Amino acid sequence: MTPAVKLAIKRKISHQLHEYRHDPASESYGTEAADKLGIEAARVFKTLVVSLDSRELVVGIVPVCSMLSLKQIAKVAGAKRATMADPLVVQRATGYVLGGVSPLGQKKRLKTVLDASALEYDSIFVSAGRRGLEIELAPGALLELTSGRTAKIAQPEKS
């Protein structure tokens, strides 16, 4: 059981776990999850960690069919600039490996921003803390567990 799942259980948050066989050759963990679970990609969210002004880490959660707008998350967080955080820093701060980073149960609780599109759904899917395991829960429950907020931080994928 991952720290993400333990947190949902401990806080008595209604959730459902979905497991699938992860393909190590997959280049997009979120898209793989949507495909293998047969879920609309707009309901599956990826957890990305950014560095604000090269000092503070913040989590951005966006649909797997979108990209995180670094400009928007910086603005929402009150910073001048956001860059993707170094993978080793992400692993140290969250306790999770890339492709399995969950917004829940992180070693160090980071400020969290969930893309506003999540509110269009009764439930969304995020990583449950390892590749091949997703947790389905209400967007409000995710915000409660992370003390997060919503904002428009997603932008369309570049083709």
N, C-alpha and C. Protein backbone atom coordinates (compact mmCIF):
# COMPACT_ATOMS: atom_id res chain seq x y z
N MET A 1 0.85 -1.19 0.00
CA MET A 1 0.00 0.00 0.00
C MET A 1 0.89 1.25 0.00
N THR A 2 0.60 2.16 -0.88
CA THR A 2 1.42 3.36 -1.01
C THR A 2 0.99 4.42 0.00
N PRO A 3 1.86 5.41 0.26
CA PRO A 3 1.47 6.50 1.17
C PRO A 3 0.21 7.23 0.69
N ALA A 4 0.02 7.33 -0.62
CA ALA A 4 -1.17 7.99 -1.17
C ALA A 4 -2.44 7.25 -0.77
N VAL A 5 -2.43 5.95 -0.91
CA VAL A 5 -3.59 5.13 -0.56
C VAL A 5 -3.82 5.16 0.95
N LYS A 6 -2.74 5.06 1.71
CA LYS A 6 -2.86 5.11 3.18
C LYS A 6 -3.51 6.42 3.63
N LEU A 7 -3.13 7.53 2.99
CA LEU A 7 -3.69 8.83 3.35
C LEU A 7 -5.20 8.87 3.08
N ALA A 8 -5.62 8.39 1.91
CA ALA A 8 -7.05 8.39 1.57
C ALA A 8 -7.84 7.54 2.55
N ILE A 9 -7.29 6.40 2.93
CA ILE A 9 -7.97 5.52 3.89
C ILE A 9 -8.02 6.18 5.27
N LYS A 10 -6.90 6.70 5.72
CA LYS A 10 -6.82 7.33 7.04
C LYS A 10 -7.81 8.49 7.17
N ARG A 11 -7.95 9.29 6.10
CA ARG A 11 -8.84 10.45 6.13
C ARG A 11 -10.28 10.10 5.74
N LYS A 12 -10.52 8.79 5.52
CA LYS A 12 -11.87 8.29 5.18
C LYS A 12 -12.44 8.98 3.94
N ILE A 13 -11.60 9.14 2.93
CA ILE A 13 -12.00 9.74 1.66
C ILE A 13 -12.48 8.64 0.73
N SER A 14 -13.65 8.83 0.15
CA SER A 14 -14.18 7.86 -0.81
C SER A 14 -13.26 7.82 -2.03
N HIS A 15 -12.81 6.62 -2.38
CA HIS A 15 -11.90 6.47 -3.52
C HIS A 15 -12.00 5.06 -4.07
N GLN A 16 -11.44 4.89 -5.24
CA GLN A 16 -11.38 3.56 -5.84
C GLN A 16 -10.01 3.43 -6.49
N LEU A 17 -9.39 2.26 -6.32
CA LEU A 17 -8.09 2.01 -6.93
C LEU A 17 -8.27 1.28 -8.25
N HIS A 18 -7.44 1.63 -9.21
CA HIS A 18 -7.46 1.00 -10.54
C HIS A 18 -6.03 0.60 -10.87
N GLU A 19 -5.83 -0.69 -11.10
CA GLU A 19 -4.50 -1.20 -11.40
C GLU A 19 -4.43 -1.67 -12.84
N TYR A 20 -3.30 -1.48 -13.47
CA TYR A 20 -3.07 -1.97 -14.82
C TYR A 20 -1.61 -2.38 -14.94
N ARG A 21 -1.34 -3.20 -15.94
CA ARG A 21 0.03 -3.67 -16.14
C ARG A 21 0.82 -2.58 -16.86
N HIS A 22 1.76 -1.99 -16.16
CA HIS A 22 2.58 -0.91 -16.72
C HIS A 22 3.59 -1.48 -17.71
N ASP A 23 3.70 -0.85 -18.86
CA ASP A 23 4.68 -1.23 -19.88
C ASP A 23 5.90 -0.34 -19.70
N PRO A 24 7.05 -0.90 -19.31
CA PRO A 24 8.26 -0.10 -19.09
C PRO A 24 8.70 0.70 -20.33
N ALA A 25 8.27 0.27 -21.51
CA ALA A 25 8.63 0.99 -22.74
C ALA A 25 7.74 2.20 -22.98
N SER A 26 6.69 2.35 -22.19
CA SER A 26 5.75 3.47 -22.37
C SER A 26 6.46 4.80 -22.10
N GLU A 27 6.22 5.76 -22.99
CA GLU A 27 6.85 7.07 -22.82
C GLU A 27 5.93 8.07 -22.12
N SER A 28 4.64 7.78 -22.07
CA SER A 28 3.69 8.69 -21.42
C SER A 28 2.86 7.89 -20.42
N TYR A 29 3.23 8.00 -19.16
CA TYR A 29 2.57 7.21 -18.12
C TYR A 29 1.09 7.52 -18.03
N GLY A 30 0.73 8.79 -18.11
CA GLY A 30 -0.68 9.18 -17.98
C GLY A 30 -1.52 8.70 -19.14
N THR A 31 -1.01 8.84 -20.35
CA THR A 31 -1.75 8.37 -21.53
C THR A 31 -1.88 6.86 -21.48
N GLU A 32 -0.83 6.19 -21.03
CA GLU A 32 -0.89 4.73 -20.88
C GLU A 32 -2.00 4.35 -19.90
N ALA A 33 -2.10 5.07 -18.80
CA ALA A 33 -3.14 4.78 -17.80
C ALA A 33 -4.53 4.95 -18.41
N ALA A 34 -4.74 6.06 -19.13
CA ALA A 34 -6.05 6.31 -19.74
C ALA A 34 -6.39 5.21 -20.74
N ASP A 35 -5.43 4.84 -21.58
CA ASP A 35 -5.66 3.80 -22.59
C ASP A 35 -5.96 2.45 -21.95
N LYS A 36 -5.13 2.05 -21.00
CA LYS A 36 -5.28 0.71 -20.41
C LYS A 36 -6.51 0.59 -19.51
N LEU A 37 -6.93 1.71 -18.92
CA LEU A 37 -8.12 1.67 -18.06
C LEU A 37 -9.39 2.04 -18.83
N GLY A 38 -9.23 2.44 -20.10
CA GLY A 38 -10.38 2.78 -20.92
C GLY A 38 -11.11 4.03 -20.44
N ILE A 39 -10.33 5.02 -20.01
CA ILE A 39 -10.89 6.25 -19.45
C ILE A 39 -10.55 7.42 -20.38
N GLU A 40 -11.47 8.35 -20.49
CA GLU A 40 -11.23 9.57 -21.24
C GLU A 40 -9.99 10.27 -20.68
N ALA A 41 -9.05 10.63 -21.55
CA ALA A 41 -7.78 11.22 -21.12
C ALA A 41 -7.97 12.51 -20.32
N ALA A 42 -9.05 13.23 -20.56
CA ALA A 42 -9.29 14.48 -19.84
C ALA A 42 -9.60 14.25 -18.36
N ARG A 43 -9.93 12.99 -17.98
CA ARG A 43 -10.22 12.66 -16.57
C ARG A 43 -9.01 12.10 -15.84
N VAL A 44 -7.94 11.81 -16.58
CA VAL A 44 -6.72 11.27 -15.97
C VAL A 44 -5.73 12.43 -15.87
N PHE A 45 -5.26 12.69 -14.66
CA PHE A 45 -4.41 13.85 -14.40
C PHE A 45 -3.00 13.43 -14.03
N LYS A 46 -2.04 14.19 -14.55
CA LYS A 46 -0.64 13.93 -14.22
C LYS A 46 -0.17 14.93 -13.17
N THR A 47 0.73 14.48 -12.34
CA THR A 47 1.27 15.27 -11.24
C THR A 47 2.66 15.75 -11.64
N LEU A 48 2.82 17.05 -11.76
CA LEU A 48 4.10 17.63 -12.18
C LEU A 48 4.61 18.57 -11.08
N VAL A 49 5.91 18.53 -10.86
CA VAL A 49 6.49 19.38 -9.82
C VAL A 49 7.36 20.43 -10.50
N VAL A 50 7.12 21.68 -10.11
CA VAL A 50 7.89 22.79 -10.67
C VAL A 50 8.64 23.52 -9.57
N SER A 51 9.68 24.20 -9.99
CA SER A 51 10.46 25.04 -9.10
C SER A 51 10.12 26.49 -9.40
N LEU A 52 9.70 27.23 -8.39
CA LEU A 52 9.35 28.63 -8.56
C LEU A 52 10.54 29.52 -8.23
N ASP A 53 10.89 30.38 -9.15
CA ASP A 53 12.01 31.31 -8.94
C ASP A 53 13.23 30.58 -8.38
N SER A 54 13.40 29.33 -8.79
CA SER A 54 14.53 28.48 -8.40
C SER A 54 14.64 28.21 -6.91
N ARG A 55 13.52 28.28 -6.18
CA ARG A 55 13.62 28.00 -4.75
C ARG A 55 12.50 27.14 -4.20
N GLU A 56 11.25 27.47 -4.43
CA GLU A 56 10.13 26.73 -3.85
C GLU A 56 9.55 25.72 -4.85
N LEU A 57 9.24 24.51 -4.36
CA LEU A 57 8.61 23.50 -5.20
C LEU A 57 7.09 23.58 -5.06
N VAL A 58 6.40 23.43 -6.19
CA VAL A 58 4.94 23.45 -6.22
C VAL A 58 4.47 22.34 -7.15
N VAL A 59 3.34 21.72 -6.80
CA VAL A 59 2.77 20.66 -7.61
C VAL A 59 1.68 21.26 -8.51
N GLY A 60 1.74 20.90 -9.79
CA GLY A 60 0.69 21.25 -10.74
C GLY A 60 0.06 19.96 -11.24
N ILE A 61 -1.26 19.87 -11.22
CA ILE A 61 -1.96 18.65 -11.64
C ILE A 61 -2.84 19.01 -12.83
N VAL A 62 -2.52 18.42 -13.99
CA VAL A 62 -3.22 18.74 -15.24
C VAL A 62 -3.62 17.46 -15.96
N PRO A 63 -4.63 17.55 -16.84
CA PRO A 63 -5.02 16.36 -17.61
C PRO A 63 -3.85 15.84 -18.45
N VAL A 64 -3.79 14.53 -18.63
CA VAL A 64 -2.68 13.94 -19.39
C VAL A 64 -2.70 14.35 -20.86
N CYS A 65 -3.84 14.83 -21.34
CA CYS A 65 -3.94 15.27 -22.74
C CYS A 65 -3.56 16.74 -22.89
N SER A 66 -3.06 17.35 -21.83
CA SER A 66 -2.66 18.75 -21.83
C SER A 66 -1.22 18.89 -21.37
N MET A 67 -0.74 20.12 -21.41
CA MET A 67 0.57 20.46 -20.86
C MET A 67 0.36 21.45 -19.72
N LEU A 68 1.29 21.47 -18.81
CA LEU A 68 1.27 22.45 -17.73
C LEU A 68 1.79 23.78 -18.29
N SER A 69 1.04 24.85 -18.07
CA SER A 69 1.51 26.18 -18.45
C SER A 69 2.39 26.70 -17.32
N LEU A 70 3.69 26.76 -17.58
CA LEU A 70 4.62 27.24 -16.55
C LEU A 70 4.34 28.69 -16.22
N LYS A 71 3.94 29.45 -17.21
CA LYS A 71 3.61 30.86 -17.01
C LYS A 71 2.42 31.00 -16.06
N GLN A 72 1.38 30.18 -16.28
CA GLN A 72 0.17 30.27 -15.45
C GLN A 72 0.41 29.80 -14.03
N ILE A 73 1.15 28.70 -13.86
CA ILE A 73 1.36 28.22 -12.48
C ILE A 73 2.24 29.20 -11.71
N ALA A 74 3.19 29.83 -12.38
CA ALA A 74 4.02 30.83 -11.70
C ALA A 74 3.13 32.00 -11.25
N LYS A 75 2.26 32.44 -12.15
CA LYS A 75 1.37 33.56 -11.84
C LYS A 75 0.46 33.23 -10.66
N VAL A 76 -0.15 32.03 -10.70
CA VAL A 76 -1.06 31.60 -9.64
C VAL A 76 -0.33 31.50 -8.30
N ALA A 77 0.92 31.07 -8.34
CA ALA A 77 1.69 30.88 -7.11
C ALA A 77 2.40 32.16 -6.66
N GLY A 78 2.23 33.24 -7.42
CA GLY A 78 2.84 34.51 -7.03
C GLY A 78 4.33 34.58 -7.28
N ALA A 79 4.79 33.85 -8.29
CA ALA A 79 6.22 33.85 -8.62
C ALA A 79 6.42 34.49 -9.99
N LYS A 80 7.66 34.85 -10.26
CA LYS A 80 7.99 35.43 -11.56
C LYS A 80 8.15 34.34 -12.61
N ARG A 81 8.68 33.20 -12.16
CA ARG A 81 9.06 32.18 -13.13
C ARG A 81 8.93 30.78 -12.54
N ALA A 82 8.55 29.83 -13.40
CA ALA A 82 8.48 28.42 -12.99
C ALA A 82 9.23 27.59 -14.02
N THR A 83 9.97 26.61 -13.54
CA THR A 83 10.65 25.66 -14.41
C THR A 83 10.36 24.26 -13.87
N MET A 84 10.44 23.27 -14.75
CA MET A 84 10.25 21.89 -14.28
C MET A 84 11.36 21.57 -13.28
N ALA A 85 10.98 20.97 -12.17
CA ALA A 85 11.96 20.63 -11.13
C ALA A 85 12.83 19.46 -11.58
N ASP A 86 14.04 19.44 -11.09
CA ASP A 86 14.98 18.36 -11.37
C ASP A 86 14.39 17.04 -10.86
N PRO A 87 14.44 15.98 -11.68
CA PRO A 87 13.85 14.69 -11.28
C PRO A 87 14.34 14.16 -9.93
N LEU A 88 15.62 14.32 -9.62
CA LEU A 88 16.13 13.84 -8.32
C LEU A 88 15.55 14.65 -7.17
N VAL A 89 15.36 15.94 -7.38
CA VAL A 89 14.76 16.80 -6.36
C VAL A 89 13.30 16.39 -6.16
N VAL A 90 12.62 16.09 -7.25
CA VAL A 90 11.21 15.65 -7.17
C VAL A 90 11.12 14.36 -6.35
N GLN A 91 11.98 13.39 -6.66
CA GLN A 91 11.95 12.12 -5.94
C GLN A 91 12.24 12.31 -4.45
N ARG A 92 13.22 13.17 -4.14
CA ARG A 92 13.55 13.41 -2.73
C ARG A 92 12.40 14.09 -1.99
N ALA A 93 11.77 15.08 -2.63
CA ALA A 93 10.71 15.84 -1.96
C ALA A 93 9.42 15.05 -1.83
N THR A 94 9.10 14.23 -2.83
CA THR A 94 7.81 13.53 -2.82
C THR A 94 7.89 12.11 -2.28
N GLY A 95 9.04 11.47 -2.44
CA GLY A 95 9.17 10.07 -2.04
C GLY A 95 8.72 9.11 -3.13
N TYR A 96 8.38 9.65 -4.29
CA TYR A 96 7.90 8.83 -5.41
C TYR A 96 8.84 8.92 -6.60
N VAL A 97 8.84 7.85 -7.42
CA VAL A 97 9.63 7.86 -8.65
C VAL A 97 8.81 8.50 -9.77
N LEU A 98 9.49 9.11 -10.73
CA LEU A 98 8.81 9.73 -11.86
C LEU A 98 7.93 8.70 -12.56
N GLY A 99 6.77 9.14 -12.98
CA GLY A 99 5.80 8.23 -13.59
C GLY A 99 4.88 7.63 -12.55
N GLY A 100 5.22 7.82 -11.29
CA GLY A 100 4.40 7.33 -10.19
C GLY A 100 4.23 8.38 -9.11
N VAL A 101 4.54 9.64 -9.44
CA VAL A 101 4.41 10.71 -8.44
C VAL A 101 2.93 10.98 -8.20
N SER A 102 2.54 10.84 -6.97
CA SER A 102 1.15 11.12 -6.58
C SER A 102 1.09 12.48 -5.89
N PRO A 103 -0.01 13.19 -6.05
CA PRO A 103 -0.16 14.43 -5.29
C PRO A 103 -0.47 14.15 -3.82
N LEU A 104 -0.75 12.89 -3.50
CA LEU A 104 -1.13 12.49 -2.14
C LEU A 104 0.01 11.78 -1.42
N GLY A 105 0.11 12.01 -0.13
CA GLY A 105 1.06 11.27 0.70
C GLY A 105 2.52 11.54 0.40
N GLN A 106 2.82 12.74 -0.04
CA GLN A 106 4.22 13.08 -0.34
C GLN A 106 5.02 13.25 0.94
N LYS A 107 6.32 12.96 0.87
CA LYS A 107 7.19 13.10 2.04
C LYS A 107 7.14 14.52 2.59
N LYS A 108 7.24 15.49 1.68
CA LYS A 108 7.18 16.89 2.06
C LYS A 108 5.93 17.46 1.41
N ARG A 109 5.03 17.98 2.21
CA ARG A 109 3.78 18.51 1.65
C ARG A 109 4.09 19.79 0.86
N LEU A 110 3.77 19.74 -0.43
CA LEU A 110 4.04 20.87 -1.32
C LEU A 110 2.73 21.59 -1.64
N LYS A 111 2.83 22.90 -1.91
CA LYS A 111 1.66 23.63 -2.38
C LYS A 111 1.18 22.95 -3.64
N THR A 112 -0.14 22.85 -3.79
CA THR A 112 -0.72 22.11 -4.91
C THR A 112 -1.77 22.94 -5.63
N VAL A 113 -1.68 22.91 -6.98
CA VAL A 113 -2.66 23.58 -7.82
C VAL A 113 -3.22 22.55 -8.79
N LEU A 114 -4.54 22.38 -8.77
CA LEU A 114 -5.25 21.45 -9.64
C LEU A 114 -5.89 22.25 -10.76
N ASP A 115 -5.71 21.79 -12.00
CA ASP A 115 -6.32 22.51 -13.11
C ASP A 115 -7.84 22.55 -12.93
N ALA A 116 -8.41 23.71 -13.21
CA ALA A 116 -9.84 23.94 -13.01
C ALA A 116 -10.72 22.98 -13.81
N SER A 117 -10.20 22.40 -14.88
CA SER A 117 -11.01 21.47 -15.68
C SER A 117 -11.44 20.24 -14.88
N ALA A 118 -10.73 19.94 -13.80
CA ALA A 118 -11.09 18.78 -12.96
C ALA A 118 -12.49 18.93 -12.37
N LEU A 119 -12.91 20.16 -12.17
CA LEU A 119 -14.21 20.40 -11.54
C LEU A 119 -15.38 20.05 -12.46
N GLU A 120 -15.10 19.77 -13.72
CA GLU A 120 -16.13 19.36 -14.67
C GLU A 120 -16.56 17.91 -14.46
N TYR A 121 -15.82 17.16 -13.63
CA TYR A 121 -16.06 15.73 -13.46
C TYR A 121 -16.42 15.40 -12.02
N ASP A 122 -17.25 14.36 -11.86
CA ASP A 122 -17.57 13.88 -10.51
C ASP A 122 -16.36 13.23 -9.87
N SER A 123 -15.54 12.55 -10.71
CA SER A 123 -14.33 11.92 -10.20
C SER A 123 -13.24 12.04 -11.26
N ILE A 124 -12.01 12.07 -10.77
CA ILE A 124 -10.83 12.11 -11.64
C ILE A 124 -9.85 11.04 -11.16
N PHE A 125 -8.84 10.79 -11.98
CA PHE A 125 -7.84 9.78 -11.69
C PHE A 125 -6.47 10.46 -11.57
N VAL A 126 -5.74 10.12 -10.52
CA VAL A 126 -4.35 10.57 -10.36
C VAL A 126 -3.52 9.37 -9.94
N SER A 127 -2.23 9.48 -10.06
CA SER A 127 -1.36 8.39 -9.64
C SER A 127 -1.57 8.08 -8.16
N ALA A 128 -1.59 6.81 -7.85
CA ALA A 128 -1.74 6.38 -6.46
C ALA A 128 -0.37 6.11 -5.83
N GLY A 129 0.69 6.50 -6.52
CA GLY A 129 2.01 6.40 -5.91
C GLY A 129 2.95 5.39 -6.52
N ARG A 130 2.52 4.72 -7.58
CA ARG A 130 3.44 3.87 -8.32
C ARG A 130 2.90 3.69 -9.73
N ARG A 131 3.80 3.38 -10.63
CA ARG A 131 3.41 3.17 -12.02
C ARG A 131 2.47 1.97 -12.09
N GLY A 132 1.35 2.14 -12.80
CA GLY A 132 0.39 1.06 -12.92
C GLY A 132 -0.72 1.09 -11.88
N LEU A 133 -0.77 2.13 -11.07
CA LEU A 133 -1.81 2.23 -10.04
C LEU A 133 -2.36 3.65 -10.01
N GLU A 134 -3.67 3.77 -10.25
CA GLU A 134 -4.35 5.06 -10.23
C GLU A 134 -5.38 5.06 -9.12
N ILE A 135 -5.60 6.22 -8.54
CA ILE A 135 -6.65 6.38 -7.53
C ILE A 135 -7.71 7.32 -8.12
N GLU A 136 -8.95 6.88 -8.04
CA GLU A 136 -10.07 7.68 -8.53
C GLU A 136 -10.75 8.31 -7.32
N LEU A 137 -10.96 9.61 -7.37
CA LEU A 137 -11.61 10.32 -6.28
C LEU A 137 -12.23 11.61 -6.80
N ALA A 138 -13.07 12.21 -6.01
CA ALA A 138 -13.70 13.48 -6.39
C ALA A 138 -12.65 14.59 -6.36
N PRO A 139 -12.74 15.55 -7.29
CA PRO A 139 -11.78 16.66 -7.28
C PRO A 139 -11.75 17.38 -5.93
N GLY A 140 -12.92 17.54 -5.31
CA GLY A 140 -12.97 18.20 -4.00
C GLY A 140 -12.21 17.43 -2.94
N ALA A 141 -12.27 16.11 -3.02
CA ALA A 141 -11.54 15.27 -2.06
C ALA A 141 -10.03 15.43 -2.26
N LEU A 142 -9.61 15.49 -3.52
CA LEU A 142 -8.18 15.69 -3.81
C LEU A 142 -7.72 17.04 -3.25
N LEU A 143 -8.53 18.06 -3.43
CA LEU A 143 -8.18 19.39 -2.91
C LEU A 143 -8.12 19.37 -1.38
N GLU A 144 -9.05 18.65 -0.78
CA GLU A 144 -9.06 18.54 0.69
C GLU A 144 -7.80 17.84 1.19
N LEU A 145 -7.43 16.74 0.56
CA LEU A 145 -6.27 15.96 1.00
C LEU A 145 -4.94 16.69 0.79
N THR A 146 -4.90 17.56 -0.20
CA THR A 146 -3.64 18.27 -0.52
C THR A 146 -3.63 19.71 -0.02
N SER A 147 -4.75 20.15 0.55
CA SER A 147 -4.93 21.58 0.89
C SER A 147 -4.66 22.43 -0.35
N GLY A 148 -5.08 21.91 -1.49
CA GLY A 148 -4.81 22.57 -2.76
C GLY A 148 -5.87 23.57 -3.17
N ARG A 149 -5.62 24.16 -4.33
CA ARG A 149 -6.56 25.11 -4.92
C ARG A 149 -6.67 24.83 -6.41
N THR A 150 -7.69 25.38 -7.04
CA THR A 150 -7.82 25.20 -8.48
C THR A 150 -7.50 26.49 -9.21
N ALA A 151 -7.05 26.34 -10.44
CA ALA A 151 -6.78 27.47 -11.33
C ALA A 151 -6.60 26.89 -12.73
N LYS A 152 -6.72 27.74 -13.72
CA LYS A 152 -6.52 27.30 -15.09
C LYS A 152 -5.01 27.28 -15.36
N ILE A 153 -4.41 26.09 -15.26
CA ILE A 153 -2.96 25.97 -15.42
C ILE A 153 -2.58 25.05 -16.57
N ALA A 154 -3.58 24.48 -17.25
CA ALA A 154 -3.31 23.58 -18.38
C ALA A 154 -3.36 24.35 -19.69
N GLN A 155 -2.60 23.87 -20.65
CA GLN A 155 -2.67 24.41 -22.01
C GLN A 155 -2.67 23.22 -22.96
N PRO A 156 -3.18 23.40 -24.17
CA PRO A 156 -3.23 22.27 -25.11
C PRO A 156 -1.84 21.72 -25.43
N GLU A 157 -1.78 20.40 -25.66
CA GLU A 157 -0.52 19.77 -26.06
C GLU A 157 -0.07 20.39 -27.37
N LYS A 158 1.22 20.57 -27.49
CA LYS A 158 1.77 21.02 -28.78
C LYS A 158 1.84 19.84 -29.71
N SER A 159 1.43 20.04 -30.97
CA SER A 159 1.47 18.91 -31.89
C SER A 159 2.66 18.98 -32.83
